[in-house]
Amino acid sequence: MVEAKGEHLKNDDSRDKLELGLDWQVRAGENFRYYMVFDNEAIAAPNSCTINEFLKTVSAL
């Protein structure tokens, strides 16, 4: 699952949603992933990345 975020939406609410997304990932099983993707600067947290980092991840699959 990919949640695209604009830079103007990066706030404490995004951190809470990221935690929920990671919880979903664990409960969904090993074949599923959650990423919160930002244009230019990600939140310093697991599975938060920029669009360029995300595209590299997808291309490595």
N, C-alpha and C. Protein backbone atom coordinates (compact mmCIF):
# COMPACT_ATOMS: atom_id res chain seq x y z
N MET A 1 0.85 -1.15 0.00
CA MET A 1 0.00 0.00 0.00
C MET A 1 0.91 1.23 0.00
N VAL A 2 0.56 2.19 -0.83
CA VAL A 2 1.32 3.43 -0.92
C VAL A 2 0.41 4.58 -0.56
N GLU A 3 0.84 5.39 0.38
CA GLU A 3 0.12 6.61 0.73
C GLU A 3 0.98 7.78 0.27
N ALA A 4 0.53 8.45 -0.76
CA ALA A 4 1.26 9.60 -1.29
C ALA A 4 0.91 10.83 -0.47
N LYS A 5 1.94 11.61 -0.11
CA LYS A 5 1.75 12.80 0.71
C LYS A 5 2.46 13.99 0.07
N GLY A 6 1.79 15.10 0.03
CA GLY A 6 2.44 16.35 -0.35
C GLY A 6 3.21 16.89 0.84
N GLU A 7 4.19 17.71 0.58
CA GLU A 7 5.02 18.26 1.66
C GLU A 7 4.18 19.03 2.68
N HIS A 8 3.11 19.65 2.24
CA HIS A 8 2.27 20.43 3.16
C HIS A 8 1.50 19.54 4.13
N LEU A 9 1.50 18.24 3.91
CA LEU A 9 0.79 17.31 4.78
C LEU A 9 1.71 16.59 5.76
N LYS A 10 2.97 16.96 5.81
CA LYS A 10 3.92 16.32 6.72
C LYS A 10 3.79 16.97 8.09
N ASN A 11 3.19 16.23 9.04
CA ASN A 11 2.98 16.76 10.38
C ASN A 11 2.81 15.60 11.36
N ASP A 12 2.40 15.90 12.59
CA ASP A 12 2.24 14.85 13.60
C ASP A 12 1.16 13.84 13.19
N ASP A 13 0.13 14.29 12.49
CA ASP A 13 -0.91 13.39 12.01
C ASP A 13 -0.32 12.36 11.05
N SER A 14 0.64 12.80 10.22
CA SER A 14 1.30 11.87 9.30
C SER A 14 2.07 10.80 10.06
N ARG A 15 2.71 11.19 11.15
CA ARG A 15 3.44 10.20 11.97
C ARG A 15 2.47 9.16 12.54
N ASP A 16 1.31 9.62 13.01
CA ASP A 16 0.31 8.69 13.53
C ASP A 16 -0.17 7.75 12.44
N LYS A 17 -0.43 8.27 11.25
CA LYS A 17 -0.88 7.45 10.13
C LYS A 17 0.20 6.46 9.71
N LEU A 18 1.45 6.88 9.79
CA LEU A 18 2.56 5.98 9.45
C LEU A 18 2.60 4.81 10.42
N GLU A 19 2.40 5.08 11.70
CA GLU A 19 2.36 3.99 12.68
C GLU A 19 1.22 3.03 12.39
N LEU A 20 0.06 3.56 12.04
CA LEU A 20 -1.08 2.71 11.69
C LEU A 20 -0.78 1.88 10.44
N GLY A 21 -0.13 2.49 9.47
CA GLY A 21 0.23 1.77 8.25
C GLY A 21 1.20 0.64 8.53
N LEU A 22 2.16 0.89 9.40
CA LEU A 22 3.12 -0.17 9.75
C LEU A 22 2.44 -1.28 10.52
N ASP A 23 1.47 -0.93 11.37
CA ASP A 23 0.69 -1.95 12.07
C ASP A 23 -0.10 -2.79 11.06
N TRP A 24 -0.70 -2.13 10.07
CA TRP A 24 -1.43 -2.85 9.01
C TRP A 24 -0.49 -3.82 8.30
N GLN A 25 0.73 -3.36 8.00
CA GLN A 25 1.70 -4.19 7.30
C GLN A 25 1.98 -5.47 8.08
N VAL A 26 2.18 -5.35 9.38
CA VAL A 26 2.46 -6.52 10.22
C VAL A 26 1.27 -7.47 10.21
N ARG A 27 0.08 -6.91 10.35
CA ARG A 27 -1.13 -7.75 10.42
C ARG A 27 -1.50 -8.35 9.06
N ALA A 28 -1.15 -7.67 7.97
CA ALA A 28 -1.50 -8.15 6.63
C ALA A 28 -0.67 -9.36 6.21
N GLY A 29 0.52 -9.48 6.76
CA GLY A 29 1.35 -10.63 6.43
C GLY A 29 2.59 -10.25 5.65
N GLU A 30 3.44 -11.21 5.47
CA GLU A 30 4.77 -10.96 4.89
C GLU A 30 4.75 -10.57 3.41
N ASN A 31 3.66 -10.77 2.73
CA ASN A 31 3.57 -10.41 1.31
C ASN A 31 3.10 -8.98 1.08
N PHE A 32 2.88 -8.23 2.16
CA PHE A 32 2.36 -6.88 2.04
C PHE A 32 3.30 -5.87 2.67
N ARG A 33 3.31 -4.64 2.10
CA ARG A 33 4.14 -3.54 2.60
C ARG A 33 3.32 -2.27 2.61
N TYR A 34 3.72 -1.35 3.46
CA TYR A 34 3.11 -0.03 3.53
C TYR A 34 4.22 1.00 3.40
N TYR A 35 4.01 1.99 2.55
CA TYR A 35 4.97 3.08 2.38
C TYR A 35 4.23 4.41 2.38
N MET A 36 4.79 5.39 3.07
CA MET A 36 4.31 6.76 3.00
C MET A 36 5.35 7.52 2.17
N VAL A 37 4.91 8.01 1.02
CA VAL A 37 5.83 8.57 0.03
C VAL A 37 5.62 10.08 -0.10
N PHE A 38 6.71 10.81 0.03
CA PHE A 38 6.71 12.27 -0.06
C PHE A 38 7.46 12.71 -1.31
N ASP A 39 7.19 13.93 -1.75
CA ASP A 39 7.87 14.47 -2.92
C ASP A 39 9.37 14.61 -2.69
N ASN A 40 9.75 15.37 -1.68
CA ASN A 40 11.16 15.75 -1.53
C ASN A 40 11.83 15.32 -0.23
N GLU A 41 11.09 15.30 0.86
CA GLU A 41 11.70 15.01 2.16
C GLU A 41 10.78 14.12 2.97
N ALA A 42 11.27 12.96 3.36
CA ALA A 42 10.46 11.99 4.10
C ALA A 42 10.56 12.27 5.60
N ILE A 43 9.65 11.67 6.34
CA ILE A 43 9.71 11.67 7.80
C ILE A 43 10.81 10.69 8.19
N ALA A 44 11.55 11.01 9.22
CA ALA A 44 12.62 10.11 9.68
C ALA A 44 11.98 8.94 10.43
N ALA A 45 11.49 7.98 9.67
CA ALA A 45 10.84 6.81 10.25
C ALA A 45 10.85 5.68 9.22
N PRO A 46 10.73 4.43 9.69
CA PRO A 46 10.69 3.31 8.75
C PRO A 46 9.52 3.44 7.77
N ASN A 47 9.77 3.08 6.54
CA ASN A 47 8.78 3.03 5.46
C ASN A 47 8.26 4.40 5.03
N SER A 48 8.94 5.44 5.44
CA SER A 48 8.68 6.78 4.94
C SER A 48 9.83 7.12 4.00
N CYS A 49 9.51 7.55 2.79
CA CYS A 49 10.56 7.79 1.81
C CYS A 49 10.13 8.83 0.79
N THR A 50 11.09 9.26 0.00
CA THR A 50 10.78 10.17 -1.10
C THR A 50 10.35 9.34 -2.30
N ILE A 51 9.79 10.00 -3.27
CA ILE A 51 9.34 9.30 -4.48
C ILE A 51 10.52 8.61 -5.17
N ASN A 52 11.68 9.26 -5.20
CA ASN A 52 12.85 8.64 -5.83
C ASN A 52 13.30 7.38 -5.09
N GLU A 53 13.31 7.44 -3.76
CA GLU A 53 13.67 6.26 -2.99
C GLU A 53 12.66 5.14 -3.19
N PHE A 54 11.39 5.50 -3.25
CA PHE A 54 10.35 4.49 -3.45
C PHE A 54 10.47 3.82 -4.81
N LEU A 55 10.74 4.61 -5.85
CA LEU A 55 10.90 4.04 -7.19
C LEU A 55 12.08 3.08 -7.25
N LYS A 56 13.16 3.39 -6.53
CA LYS A 56 14.30 2.47 -6.47
C LYS A 56 13.89 1.17 -5.78
N THR A 57 13.11 1.28 -4.72
CA THR A 57 12.64 0.10 -4.00
C THR A 57 11.79 -0.78 -4.91
N VAL A 58 10.87 -0.18 -5.61
CA VAL A 58 9.97 -0.93 -6.49
C VAL A 58 10.75 -1.57 -7.64
N SER A 59 11.70 -0.84 -8.19
CA SER A 59 12.46 -1.40 -9.32
C SER A 59 13.35 -2.56 -8.89
N ALA A 60 13.67 -2.64 -7.61
CA ALA A 60 14.51 -3.73 -7.11
C ALA A 60 13.69 -5.01 -6.87
N LEU A 61 12.39 -4.92 -6.94
CA LEU A 61 11.55 -6.10 -6.66
C LEU A 61 11.62 -7.13 -7.77
